[in-house]
Amino acid sequence: MTKDQYELNPNPLVRFLNKSPKDFTRADIIRFIEHEKVEMVNFRYVGEDLRLKSLNFVIQNRDHLEAILSSGERVDGSSLFTFLEAGSSDLYVVPRFRTAFMNPFSEVPAVDILCSYYDKDGNPLESAPEQIMRKAHETLLEQTGYDLEVMGEIEYYVISEKDPLYQANDQRAYHESAPFVKWEQLRIDAMRAMAQTGASIKYSHSEVGNFSDDEHEYEQNEIEFLPASVEEAVDQLIIAKWILREVGYQYGVTVSFAPKITAGKAGSGMHIHMRLMKDGKNVTLKNGQVSEVTRKAIAGIMDLAPSLSAFGNPIPTSYFRLVPHQEAPTNVCWGERNRSTLIRLPLGWNGSGDMVSKENPLEETRNLDVSDKQTFEFRCPDGAADLFLLIAGLCVGARHGLEMPGALELAEKTYVDVNIFDEQHKEKQKQLDHLPDSCVQAAEFLRNKVGVYRQYGVFSDRLLNGVIANLEAYKDANLRESISHKRDETMELVRRFLHCG
């Protein structure tokens, strides 16, 4: 970044320190705190329930601040993770300075910092989902020479009291504006707070889903981020969910990331976009076509796709969303600009020329290289996803595809250029594998692929067995079919998972 870019940055620490967050040091944080008269430091970290936890410190003096930032603090790991036993559960939480931000909600000036878990020997906690993601990412780079950058889309519903004025058409609110949607300002306030914490946001908009019942309105929105390293991408998604809930609470409404909040209406996903990088350059395309390396990576993810639902669709209502004709995938396939597929390459400006100069005659024609914008999108995850394990699984899938024999043949076999849900393409649909229809089935798919996840020591048997056991404990085989037409039972299940993730 140039100095001008620092001055425009919405993060107060970046503006004050005149440097990128990746270059923040302990001394930088202390200097900012002293200059801005910050009174508190909050450590933030993610528990097994995927929510952002908080440990609060009132700053006593400079020595106290130095101690907090130099050594971290102890926490009870068994209260955060079920896989840790109470007899040996003490963990350290250690701040990552690059994540520091001013808390946008605290009445007392406070700096929040995300933390990582360390064990009694002062090493990163091997079983922590965050550490598994790091290991998966490092293994991809070490074994193949390719890096993976990701970006996420958060879809969510705002649930509020019914407003009879300016009703949007049912399930037709895509990119609608106020007053036909009511919570655009909530979304804008949340975006502003996210940007101040360091999130790189692409855009936001109202989504297709909207409906009402006798008492409430349900309005769907989406916020999409820009590509980042896997660690940064997950950090900003987790902070974004916390911020949306905080802003929703201030507005007196409920914000839910649940995959399904009623039968027959659009569910909410958390699509993950990816791009393979080589020496800092996006290699998704080559000569305007999907590159061979990308097709191999996609094939690896296709091979693991049903098992990836164990991380990306981990609750029973996840499978009430993954049904045909609801803009959610059910078949293991990929395509370009095809929203019926599991992996989609969105429209990417390839061959579009300089459209801006055509529309604006006073602008000179520019030969822009826009290939860097191209990504491929994994469309089945939802807001209940364990983002650390999901991204770890996608790194494993990409590496698996780059290494496995027959990857290009599998990519060709699973490529689809038609709407797979159309009746006329039923024969093609029969040739494709299906995503699971329950947590129990997702557990079985994961059990069948544990060898790939264990390779290079990325996932441990203990963690995989724990995920499988948690999924099987829902005992939801055939649940979707058995209660799909029973509104009271469906809504009871929806309420149980309304605040997932």
Protein backbone atom coordinates (compact mmCIF):
# COMPACT_ATOMS: atom_id res chain seq x y z
CA MET A 1 0.00 0.00 0.00
CA THR A 2 1.05 3.60 -0.59
CA LYS A 3 0.69 6.28 2.07
CA ASP A 4 -2.43 7.58 0.29
CA GLN A 5 -3.97 4.11 0.52
CA TYR A 6 -3.22 3.98 4.24
CA GLU A 7 -4.92 7.34 4.74
CA LEU A 8 -8.11 6.10 3.05
CA ASN A 9 -8.14 2.77 4.88
CA PRO A 10 -11.22 2.41 7.15
CA ASN A 11 -9.20 0.61 9.87
CA PRO A 12 -8.09 3.28 12.42
CA LEU A 13 -4.92 1.32 13.29
CA VAL A 14 -3.83 1.19 9.64
CA ARG A 15 -4.36 4.94 9.25
CA PHE A 16 -2.52 5.80 12.47
CA LEU A 17 0.40 3.41 12.01
CA ASN A 18 0.74 3.99 8.25
CA LYS A 19 1.40 0.33 7.60
CA SER A 20 -0.31 -2.86 6.49
CA PRO A 21 -1.80 -5.03 9.25
CA LYS A 22 0.60 -7.86 8.38
CA ASP A 23 3.41 -5.58 9.60
CA PHE A 24 1.82 -4.70 12.97
CA THR A 25 4.09 -5.30 15.97
CA ARG A 26 3.51 -5.31 19.71
CA ALA A 27 5.15 -1.88 19.93
CA ASP A 28 2.75 -0.58 17.24
CA ILE A 29 -0.29 -1.76 19.20
CA ILE A 30 1.00 -0.16 22.40
CA ARG A 31 1.77 3.12 20.63
CA PHE A 32 -1.75 3.25 19.17
CA ILE A 33 -3.35 2.42 22.54
CA GLU A 34 -1.38 5.14 24.32
CA HIS A 35 -2.04 7.80 21.66
CA GLU A 36 -5.77 7.04 21.34
CA LYS A 37 -6.28 6.61 25.11
CA VAL A 38 -7.67 3.11 24.69
CA GLU A 39 -8.81 1.69 28.03
CA MET A 40 -9.37 -2.00 27.28
CA VAL A 41 -7.94 -4.92 25.33
CA ASN A 42 -10.21 -7.82 24.34
CA PHE A 43 -8.80 -11.17 23.28
CA ARG A 44 -11.06 -12.93 20.74
CA TYR A 45 -11.00 -16.61 19.72
CA VAL A 46 -13.34 -19.19 18.24
CA GLY A 47 -14.81 -22.09 20.19
CA GLU A 48 -16.21 -25.38 18.97
CA ASP A 49 -19.60 -23.72 18.47
CA LEU A 50 -17.85 -21.42 15.93
CA ARG A 51 -18.84 -18.24 17.78
CA LEU A 52 -16.36 -15.52 18.67
CA LYS A 53 -15.41 -15.66 22.37
CA SER A 54 -14.15 -12.76 24.45
CA LEU A 55 -11.65 -12.26 27.28
CA ASN A 56 -11.62 -8.66 28.56
CA PHE A 57 -8.73 -6.73 30.13
CA VAL A 58 -8.89 -3.26 31.68
CA ILE A 59 -5.46 -1.77 31.04
CA GLN A 60 -3.79 -0.99 34.42
CA ASN A 61 -0.52 0.51 33.22
CA ARG A 62 2.12 0.11 30.51
CA ASP A 63 3.72 -2.92 32.19
CA HIS A 64 0.32 -4.61 32.39
CA LEU A 65 -0.31 -3.95 28.71
CA GLU A 66 3.15 -5.27 27.80
CA ALA A 67 2.47 -8.44 29.78
CA ILE A 68 -0.90 -9.07 28.12
CA LEU A 69 0.55 -8.69 24.64
CA SER A 70 3.79 -10.56 25.39
CA SER A 71 2.52 -13.77 26.96
CA GLY A 72 -1.16 -14.15 26.16
CA GLU A 73 -3.43 -15.70 28.79
CA ARG A 74 -4.72 -19.05 30.08
CA VAL A 75 -8.21 -20.39 29.26
CA ASP A 76 -10.17 -23.55 30.06
CA GLY A 77 -10.02 -25.53 26.84
CA SER A 78 -12.55 -28.16 27.97
CA SER A 79 -15.23 -25.45 28.11
CA LEU A 80 -14.41 -24.48 24.53
CA PHE A 81 -13.81 -27.88 22.91
CA THR A 82 -15.45 -31.21 23.76
CA PHE A 83 -12.38 -33.13 22.60
CA LEU A 84 -10.33 -31.74 25.51
CA GLU A 85 -10.65 -33.44 28.90
CA ALA A 86 -11.07 -31.36 32.06
CA GLY A 87 -8.04 -33.03 33.66
CA SER A 88 -5.61 -31.53 31.13
CA SER A 89 -7.50 -28.76 29.45
CA ASP A 90 -5.54 -25.56 30.15
CA LEU A 91 -4.64 -23.73 26.95
CA TYR A 92 -2.96 -20.46 26.10
CA VAL A 93 -4.58 -17.88 23.84
CA VAL A 94 -1.87 -15.91 22.03
CA PRO A 95 -2.67 -12.65 20.18
CA ARG A 96 -2.03 -12.26 16.45
CA PHE A 97 -1.13 -8.58 16.14
CA ARG A 98 -2.11 -8.28 12.48
CA THR A 99 -5.75 -8.83 13.48
CA ALA A 100 -5.98 -5.89 15.92
CA PHE A 101 -8.93 -3.54 15.45
CA MET A 102 -10.95 -0.97 17.37
CA ASN A 103 -14.09 -2.57 18.75
CA PRO A 104 -16.89 -0.79 16.85
CA PHE A 105 -19.49 -1.43 19.59
CA SER A 106 -17.69 -0.93 22.90
CA GLU A 107 -18.74 2.16 24.90
CA VAL A 108 -15.27 2.09 26.46
CA PRO A 109 -12.48 2.55 23.85
CA ALA A 110 -11.18 -0.99 23.27
CA VAL A 111 -8.79 -2.80 20.95
CA ASP A 112 -9.77 -6.36 20.02
CA ILE A 113 -7.21 -8.92 18.85
CA LEU A 114 -7.84 -12.40 17.47
CA CYS A 115 -5.89 -15.17 19.17
CA SER A 116 -4.60 -18.65 18.41
CA TYR A 117 -4.55 -21.62 20.77
CA TYR A 118 -1.25 -22.98 22.17
CA ASP A 119 -0.63 -26.07 24.30
CA LYS A 120 1.23 -26.48 27.61
CA ASP A 121 4.56 -26.78 25.80
CA GLY A 122 4.12 -23.47 24.00
CA ASN A 123 3.33 -25.01 20.61
CA PRO A 124 0.27 -24.37 18.40
CA LEU A 125 -2.52 -26.71 19.52
CA GLU A 126 -2.39 -29.49 16.93
CA SER A 127 -6.05 -30.43 17.34
CA ALA A 128 -7.37 -26.86 17.01
CA PRO A 129 -9.40 -26.49 13.78
CA GLU A 130 -7.48 -23.31 12.96
CA GLN A 131 -4.17 -25.19 13.12
CA ILE A 132 -5.52 -28.01 10.93
CA MET A 133 -6.46 -25.39 8.32
CA ARG A 134 -2.96 -23.93 8.44
CA LYS A 135 -1.42 -27.38 8.06
CA ALA A 136 -3.68 -28.21 5.09
CA HIS A 137 -2.77 -24.94 3.40
CA GLU A 138 0.96 -25.37 4.02
CA THR A 139 0.84 -28.96 2.73
CA LEU A 140 -0.89 -27.86 -0.48
CA LEU A 141 1.88 -25.33 -1.12
CA GLU A 142 4.71 -27.69 -0.13
CA GLN A 143 3.49 -30.68 -2.17
CA THR A 144 2.28 -28.90 -5.31
CA GLY A 145 3.84 -25.42 -5.41
CA TYR A 146 0.36 -23.88 -5.69
CA ASP A 147 -1.26 -21.56 -3.17
CA LEU A 148 -5.00 -21.17 -2.61
CA GLU A 149 -6.76 -17.90 -1.93
CA VAL A 150 -10.39 -17.86 -0.90
CA MET A 151 -13.29 -15.49 -0.38
CA GLY A 152 -16.65 -16.06 1.22
CA GLU A 153 -20.24 -14.97 0.73
CA ILE A 154 -22.44 -14.61 3.80
CA GLU A 155 -26.16 -15.01 3.25
CA TYR A 156 -28.48 -14.30 6.16
CA TYR A 157 -32.08 -13.51 7.05
CA VAL A 158 -33.26 -10.52 9.06
CA ILE A 159 -36.37 -11.48 11.04
CA SER A 160 -38.54 -8.55 12.14
CA GLU A 161 -42.08 -7.54 12.97
CA LYS A 162 -44.37 -7.40 9.96
CA ASP A 163 -44.50 -4.09 8.07
CA PRO A 164 -47.48 -3.72 5.69
CA LEU A 165 -45.87 -0.93 3.64
CA TYR A 166 -43.99 -1.53 0.35
CA GLN A 167 -43.96 -5.31 0.37
CA ALA A 168 -41.51 -6.96 -2.03
CA ASN A 169 -42.84 -9.82 -4.14
CA ASP A 170 -42.44 -13.17 -2.42
CA GLN A 171 -39.02 -14.76 -3.21
CA ARG A 172 -38.27 -11.94 -5.65
CA ALA A 173 -36.08 -9.53 -3.66
CA TYR A 174 -32.80 -10.07 -5.55
CA HIS A 175 -30.92 -6.74 -5.52
CA GLU A 176 -34.11 -4.97 -4.42
CA SER A 177 -33.77 -1.49 -2.89
CA ALA A 178 -35.49 0.32 -0.04
CA PRO A 179 -38.34 0.80 0.70
CA PHE A 180 -39.27 -2.60 -0.80
CA VAL A 181 -36.59 -4.09 1.44
CA LYS A 182 -36.41 -2.80 5.01
CA TRP A 183 -32.93 -3.69 6.26
CA GLU A 184 -30.56 -2.16 3.72
CA GLN A 185 -29.28 0.32 6.31
CA LEU A 186 -28.59 -2.47 8.80
CA ARG A 187 -26.47 -4.14 6.13
CA ILE A 188 -24.63 -0.88 5.36
CA ASP A 189 -23.95 -0.22 9.06
CA ALA A 190 -22.58 -3.74 9.42
CA MET A 191 -20.37 -3.35 6.32
CA ARG A 192 -18.91 -0.14 7.70
CA ALA A 193 -18.09 -1.83 11.00
CA MET A 194 -16.54 -4.80 9.16
CA ALA A 195 -14.34 -2.50 7.08
CA GLN A 196 -13.13 -0.80 10.26
CA THR A 197 -12.01 -4.18 11.60
CA GLY A 198 -9.91 -4.79 8.47
CA ALA A 199 -12.29 -6.84 6.32
CA SER A 200 -11.95 -6.45 2.55
CA ILE A 201 -15.50 -6.30 1.24
CA LYS A 202 -16.44 -6.73 -2.41
CA TYR A 203 -20.09 -5.66 -2.18
CA SER A 204 -23.45 -6.38 -0.57
CA HIS A 205 -27.04 -6.62 -1.73
CA SER A 206 -30.49 -7.94 -0.87
CA GLU A 207 -30.94 -11.58 -1.88
CA VAL A 208 -33.83 -13.43 -3.49
CA GLY A 209 -35.34 -14.75 -0.27
CA ASN A 210 -38.14 -12.77 1.35
CA PHE A 211 -41.47 -13.83 2.77
CA SER A 212 -43.79 -13.10 5.69
CA ASP A 213 -46.17 -14.89 8.02
CA ASP A 214 -48.90 -13.54 10.28
CA GLU A 215 -46.44 -11.78 12.61
CA HIS A 216 -42.99 -11.56 11.03
CA GLU A 217 -41.09 -10.60 7.90
CA TYR A 218 -38.06 -12.54 6.72
CA GLU A 219 -35.65 -10.64 4.48
CA GLN A 220 -32.53 -12.20 2.98
CA ASN A 221 -29.29 -10.30 2.39
CA GLU A 222 -25.76 -11.12 1.27
CA ILE A 223 -22.29 -9.69 1.87
CA GLU A 224 -19.39 -10.86 -0.29
CA PHE A 225 -15.70 -10.42 0.42
CA LEU A 226 -12.55 -10.11 -1.67
CA PRO A 227 -9.97 -12.91 -2.10
CA ALA A 228 -7.45 -13.28 0.70
CA SER A 229 -5.18 -15.87 2.25
CA VAL A 230 -7.12 -18.72 3.81
CA GLU A 231 -6.39 -17.48 7.33
CA GLU A 232 -7.42 -13.89 6.62
CA ALA A 233 -10.54 -15.02 4.76
CA VAL A 234 -11.79 -17.10 7.69
CA ASP A 235 -10.95 -14.35 10.19
CA GLN A 236 -13.05 -11.81 8.33
CA LEU A 237 -16.01 -14.21 7.92
CA ILE A 238 -16.07 -15.00 11.63
CA ILE A 239 -15.83 -11.31 12.59
CA ALA A 240 -18.51 -10.45 10.02
CA LYS A 241 -20.99 -12.89 11.56
CA TRP A 242 -20.34 -11.42 15.02
CA ILE A 243 -20.82 -7.88 13.69
CA LEU A 244 -24.07 -8.71 11.88
CA ARG A 245 -25.52 -10.18 15.07
CA GLU A 246 -24.38 -7.17 17.11
CA VAL A 247 -25.90 -4.69 14.64
CA GLY A 248 -29.07 -6.76 14.43
CA TYR A 249 -29.36 -6.67 18.22
CA GLN A 250 -28.99 -2.88 18.19
CA TYR A 251 -31.81 -2.66 15.64
CA GLY A 252 -33.98 -4.99 17.72
CA VAL A 253 -34.20 -7.71 15.06
CA THR A 254 -32.90 -11.25 14.72
CA VAL A 255 -30.13 -12.05 12.23
CA SER A 256 -29.87 -15.74 11.34
CA PHE A 257 -27.33 -17.61 9.20
CA ALA A 258 -29.32 -20.84 9.46
CA PRO A 259 -29.37 -22.84 6.21
CA LYS A 260 -33.16 -23.09 6.27
CA ILE A 261 -35.70 -21.13 8.27
CA THR A 262 -38.91 -22.46 6.74
CA ALA A 263 -40.04 -25.01 4.17
CA GLY A 264 -40.44 -24.02 0.52
CA LYS A 265 -38.45 -20.77 0.70
CA ALA A 266 -34.87 -19.95 -0.26
CA GLY A 267 -32.25 -21.14 2.21
CA SER A 268 -29.03 -19.34 3.10
CA GLY A 269 -25.65 -20.56 1.93
CA MET A 270 -22.06 -19.57 2.56
CA HIS A 271 -20.47 -20.04 -0.85
CA ILE A 272 -16.67 -20.21 -0.94
CA HIS A 273 -14.81 -18.81 -3.95
CA MET A 274 -11.28 -20.04 -4.64
CA ARG A 275 -8.41 -19.24 -6.96
CA LEU A 276 -5.16 -21.14 -7.35
CA MET A 277 -2.07 -18.95 -7.22
CA LYS A 278 1.45 -19.51 -8.53
CA ASP A 279 4.16 -16.98 -7.63
CA GLY A 280 1.45 -14.47 -6.74
CA LYS A 281 -0.44 -14.85 -10.03
CA ASN A 282 -3.95 -16.23 -10.46
CA VAL A 283 -3.76 -19.37 -12.64
CA THR A 284 -7.46 -20.20 -12.79
CA LEU A 285 -7.46 -19.39 -16.52
CA LYS A 286 -4.94 -19.98 -19.29
CA ASN A 287 -5.45 -18.34 -22.67
CA GLY A 288 -8.98 -17.47 -21.64
CA GLN A 289 -9.93 -21.08 -20.80
CA VAL A 290 -10.13 -22.98 -17.52
CA SER A 291 -6.53 -24.06 -16.95
CA GLU A 292 -5.45 -27.67 -16.65
CA VAL A 293 -4.26 -27.13 -13.08
CA THR A 294 -7.64 -25.68 -12.10
CA ARG A 295 -9.49 -28.59 -13.69
CA LYS A 296 -7.33 -30.99 -11.68
CA ALA A 297 -8.01 -29.12 -8.45
CA ILE A 298 -11.74 -29.11 -9.19
CA ALA A 299 -11.58 -32.86 -9.85
CA GLY A 300 -10.02 -33.42 -6.43
CA ILE A 301 -12.76 -31.40 -4.76
CA MET A 302 -15.38 -33.30 -6.80
CA ASP A 303 -13.91 -36.58 -5.54
CA LEU A 304 -14.19 -35.41 -1.91
CA ALA A 305 -17.36 -33.33 -2.30
CA PRO A 306 -19.87 -35.60 -0.50
CA SER A 307 -17.47 -35.94 2.44
CA LEU A 308 -16.84 -32.17 2.56
CA SER A 309 -20.47 -31.78 3.61
CA ALA A 310 -19.34 -33.11 7.00
CA PHE A 311 -17.64 -29.74 7.51
CA GLY A 312 -19.75 -27.45 5.33
CA ASN A 313 -23.24 -28.79 6.12
CA PRO A 314 -22.97 -30.05 9.70
CA ILE A 315 -26.54 -29.76 11.07
CA PRO A 316 -29.85 -31.45 10.11
CA THR A 317 -31.40 -28.32 8.59
CA SER A 318 -28.42 -28.09 6.21
CA TYR A 319 -30.10 -30.86 4.23
CA PHE A 320 -33.45 -29.09 4.08
CA ARG A 321 -31.62 -26.52 1.90
CA LEU A 322 -29.83 -29.01 -0.38
CA VAL A 323 -32.86 -29.96 -2.47
CA PRO A 324 -33.45 -29.56 -6.23
CA HIS A 325 -34.85 -26.36 -7.76
CA GLN A 326 -33.93 -24.10 -4.80
CA GLU A 327 -30.64 -22.68 -6.23
CA ALA A 328 -28.69 -25.09 -4.03
CA PRO A 329 -26.67 -27.97 -5.53
CA THR A 330 -27.49 -31.64 -5.05
CA ASN A 331 -25.26 -33.29 -7.69
CA VAL A 332 -21.48 -33.56 -7.78
CA CYS A 333 -20.67 -31.60 -10.94
CA TRP A 334 -19.16 -28.34 -12.11
CA GLY A 335 -19.66 -25.87 -14.91
CA GLU A 336 -19.17 -22.33 -16.15
CA ARG A 337 -21.83 -19.74 -15.29
CA ASN A 338 -24.09 -22.62 -14.26
CA ARG A 339 -25.95 -22.15 -10.96
CA SER A 340 -27.27 -25.71 -10.90
CA THR A 341 -23.76 -27.15 -10.35
CA LEU A 342 -21.79 -27.74 -7.17
CA ILE A 343 -18.79 -25.76 -8.44
CA ARG A 344 -19.40 -22.82 -10.73
CA LEU A 345 -16.99 -20.56 -12.58
CA PRO A 346 -18.80 -17.22 -12.51
CA LEU A 347 -18.90 -14.85 -15.47
CA GLY A 348 -15.38 -13.42 -15.48
CA TRP A 349 -15.02 -10.56 -17.98
CA ASN A 350 -13.07 -12.88 -20.29
CA GLY A 351 -13.38 -11.61 -23.87
CA SER A 352 -15.69 -8.78 -22.84
CA GLY A 353 -13.40 -6.00 -24.13
CA ASP A 354 -13.50 -2.54 -22.64
CA MET A 355 -17.23 -2.22 -21.96
CA VAL A 356 -16.81 1.01 -19.99
CA SER A 357 -15.43 2.92 -22.97
CA LYS A 358 -18.25 1.61 -25.16
CA GLU A 359 -20.80 2.95 -22.72
CA ASN A 360 -18.86 6.16 -22.01
CA PRO A 361 -17.53 7.61 -25.30
CA LEU A 362 -15.33 10.19 -23.52
CA GLU A 363 -13.24 7.39 -21.99
CA GLU A 364 -10.25 5.99 -23.86
CA THR A 365 -10.29 2.30 -24.76
CA ARG A 366 -8.14 0.32 -22.35
CA ASN A 367 -6.84 -3.20 -22.89
CA LEU A 368 -7.41 -4.54 -19.40
CA ASP A 369 -6.19 -7.91 -18.15
CA VAL A 370 -9.08 -9.02 -15.94
CA SER A 371 -8.13 -12.70 -15.64
CA ASP A 372 -7.10 -12.04 -12.02
CA LYS A 373 -10.80 -11.67 -11.16
CA GLN A 374 -11.67 -15.26 -12.10
CA THR A 375 -12.53 -17.68 -9.31
CA PHE A 376 -14.34 -21.00 -8.93
CA GLU A 377 -17.14 -21.20 -6.41
CA PHE A 378 -18.04 -24.09 -4.07
CA ARG A 379 -21.78 -23.67 -3.57
CA CYS A 380 -23.01 -26.20 -1.01
CA PRO A 381 -21.71 -24.88 2.37
CA ASP A 382 -23.99 -22.91 4.67
CA GLY A 383 -23.77 -20.66 7.71
CA ALA A 384 -23.40 -23.59 10.12
CA ALA A 385 -20.12 -24.63 8.47
CA ASP A 386 -16.97 -25.13 10.50
CA LEU A 387 -15.04 -22.67 8.37
CA PHE A 388 -11.62 -23.83 9.55
CA LEU A 389 -12.26 -27.50 8.73
CA LEU A 390 -14.15 -26.66 5.54
CA ILE A 391 -11.28 -24.57 4.14
CA ALA A 392 -8.84 -27.22 5.32
CA GLY A 393 -10.89 -29.79 3.41
CA LEU A 394 -10.90 -27.65 0.27
CA CYS A 395 -7.10 -27.33 0.49
CA VAL A 396 -6.90 -31.12 0.84
CA GLY A 397 -9.25 -31.52 -2.14
CA ALA A 398 -7.21 -29.20 -4.35
CA ARG A 399 -3.98 -30.98 -3.40
CA HIS A 400 -5.64 -34.37 -3.92
CA GLY A 401 -6.70 -33.35 -7.44
CA LEU A 402 -3.24 -32.09 -8.38
CA GLU A 403 -1.71 -35.38 -7.26
CA MET A 404 -4.24 -38.07 -8.22
CA PRO A 405 -4.13 -40.03 -11.49
CA GLY A 406 -7.09 -39.50 -13.80
CA ALA A 407 -7.95 -36.05 -12.47
CA LEU A 408 -8.55 -34.53 -15.91
CA GLU A 409 -10.78 -37.44 -16.89
CA LEU A 410 -12.84 -36.95 -13.72
CA ALA A 411 -13.08 -33.23 -14.45
CA GLU A 412 -14.40 -33.98 -17.92
CA LYS A 413 -16.87 -36.58 -16.60
CA THR A 414 -18.34 -34.19 -14.02
CA TYR A 415 -18.51 -31.12 -16.29
CA VAL A 416 -22.08 -29.97 -17.00
CA ASP A 417 -23.17 -27.20 -19.38
CA VAL A 418 -26.95 -27.56 -18.87
CA ASN A 419 -29.41 -26.95 -16.03
CA ILE A 420 -29.07 -30.26 -14.28
CA PHE A 421 -32.53 -29.91 -12.72
CA ASP A 422 -34.36 -29.76 -16.05
CA GLU A 423 -36.51 -32.81 -16.72
CA GLN A 424 -34.90 -33.32 -20.13
CA HIS A 425 -31.48 -33.88 -18.49
CA LYS A 426 -32.53 -36.64 -16.09
CA GLU A 427 -30.21 -39.16 -17.74
CA LYS A 428 -27.19 -36.92 -17.18
CA GLN A 429 -28.24 -36.41 -13.59
CA LYS A 430 -28.33 -40.19 -13.03
CA GLN A 431 -24.68 -40.43 -14.10
CA LEU A 432 -23.54 -38.02 -11.38
CA ASP A 433 -22.87 -38.66 -7.71
CA HIS A 434 -25.13 -36.95 -5.17
CA LEU A 435 -24.40 -34.90 -2.09
CA PRO A 436 -25.60 -36.46 1.17
CA ASP A 437 -29.18 -35.97 2.35
CA SER A 438 -28.46 -36.04 6.09
CA CYS A 439 -25.74 -35.64 8.70
CA VAL A 440 -25.69 -39.41 9.08
CA GLN A 441 -24.95 -39.88 5.38
CA ALA A 442 -22.32 -37.11 5.44
CA ALA A 443 -20.60 -39.01 8.26
CA GLU A 444 -20.55 -42.14 6.13
CA PHE A 445 -19.05 -40.30 3.17
CA LEU A 446 -16.37 -38.85 5.44
CA ARG A 447 -15.58 -42.28 6.87
CA ASN A 448 -15.01 -43.57 3.34
CA LYS A 449 -12.47 -40.82 2.58
CA VAL A 450 -10.50 -40.56 5.84
CA GLY A 451 -7.35 -41.80 4.11
CA VAL A 452 -7.19 -38.71 1.89
CA TYR A 453 -7.72 -36.34 4.84
CA ARG A 454 -5.12 -38.13 6.98
CA GLN A 455 -2.45 -37.99 4.27
CA TYR A 456 0.61 -35.90 5.23
CA GLY A 457 -0.74 -35.77 8.79
CA VAL A 458 -3.19 -32.95 8.05
CA PHE A 459 -6.28 -34.36 9.79
CA SER A 460 -5.95 -36.66 12.80
CA ASP A 461 -7.96 -39.83 13.42
CA ARG A 462 -9.22 -38.38 16.67
CA LEU A 463 -10.64 -35.28 15.01
CA LEU A 464 -12.18 -37.16 12.10
CA ASN A 465 -13.74 -39.71 14.45
CA GLY A 466 -15.09 -36.86 16.57
CA VAL A 467 -16.70 -35.16 13.56
CA ILE A 468 -18.23 -38.47 12.45
CA ALA A 469 -19.59 -39.17 15.94
CA ASN A 470 -21.13 -35.69 16.22
CA LEU A 471 -22.86 -36.05 12.86
CA GLU A 472 -24.18 -39.53 13.62
CA ALA A 473 -25.54 -38.34 16.96
CA TYR A 474 -28.21 -36.31 15.13
CA LYS A 475 -29.80 -39.59 13.92
CA ASP A 476 -31.38 -37.67 11.05
CA ALA A 477 -31.44 -40.34 8.34
CA ASN A 478 -34.71 -39.82 6.42
CA LEU A 479 -35.61 -36.86 8.64
CA ARG A 480 -36.03 -34.51 5.68
CA GLU A 481 -38.61 -36.76 4.08
CA SER A 482 -40.40 -37.65 7.31
CA ILE A 483 -41.15 -34.10 8.51
CA SER A 484 -40.94 -31.98 5.34
CA HIS A 485 -44.76 -31.69 5.22
CA LYS A 486 -45.17 -31.27 8.98
CA ARG A 487 -44.88 -27.55 9.59
CA ASP A 488 -44.83 -27.65 13.41
CA GLU A 489 -42.04 -30.24 13.54
CA THR A 490 -40.08 -28.44 10.83
CA MET A 491 -40.32 -25.11 12.65
CA GLU A 492 -39.28 -26.71 15.94
CA LEU A 493 -36.12 -27.96 14.20
CA VAL A 494 -35.56 -24.56 12.58
CA ARG A 495 -35.77 -22.81 15.95
CA ARG A 496 -33.27 -25.25 17.43
CA PHE A 497 -30.65 -24.25 14.86
CA LEU A 498 -31.65 -20.61 14.30
CA HIS A 499 -28.39 -19.30 15.78
CA CYS A 500 -26.01 -21.90 14.36
CA GLY A 501 -22.39 -21.04 13.66
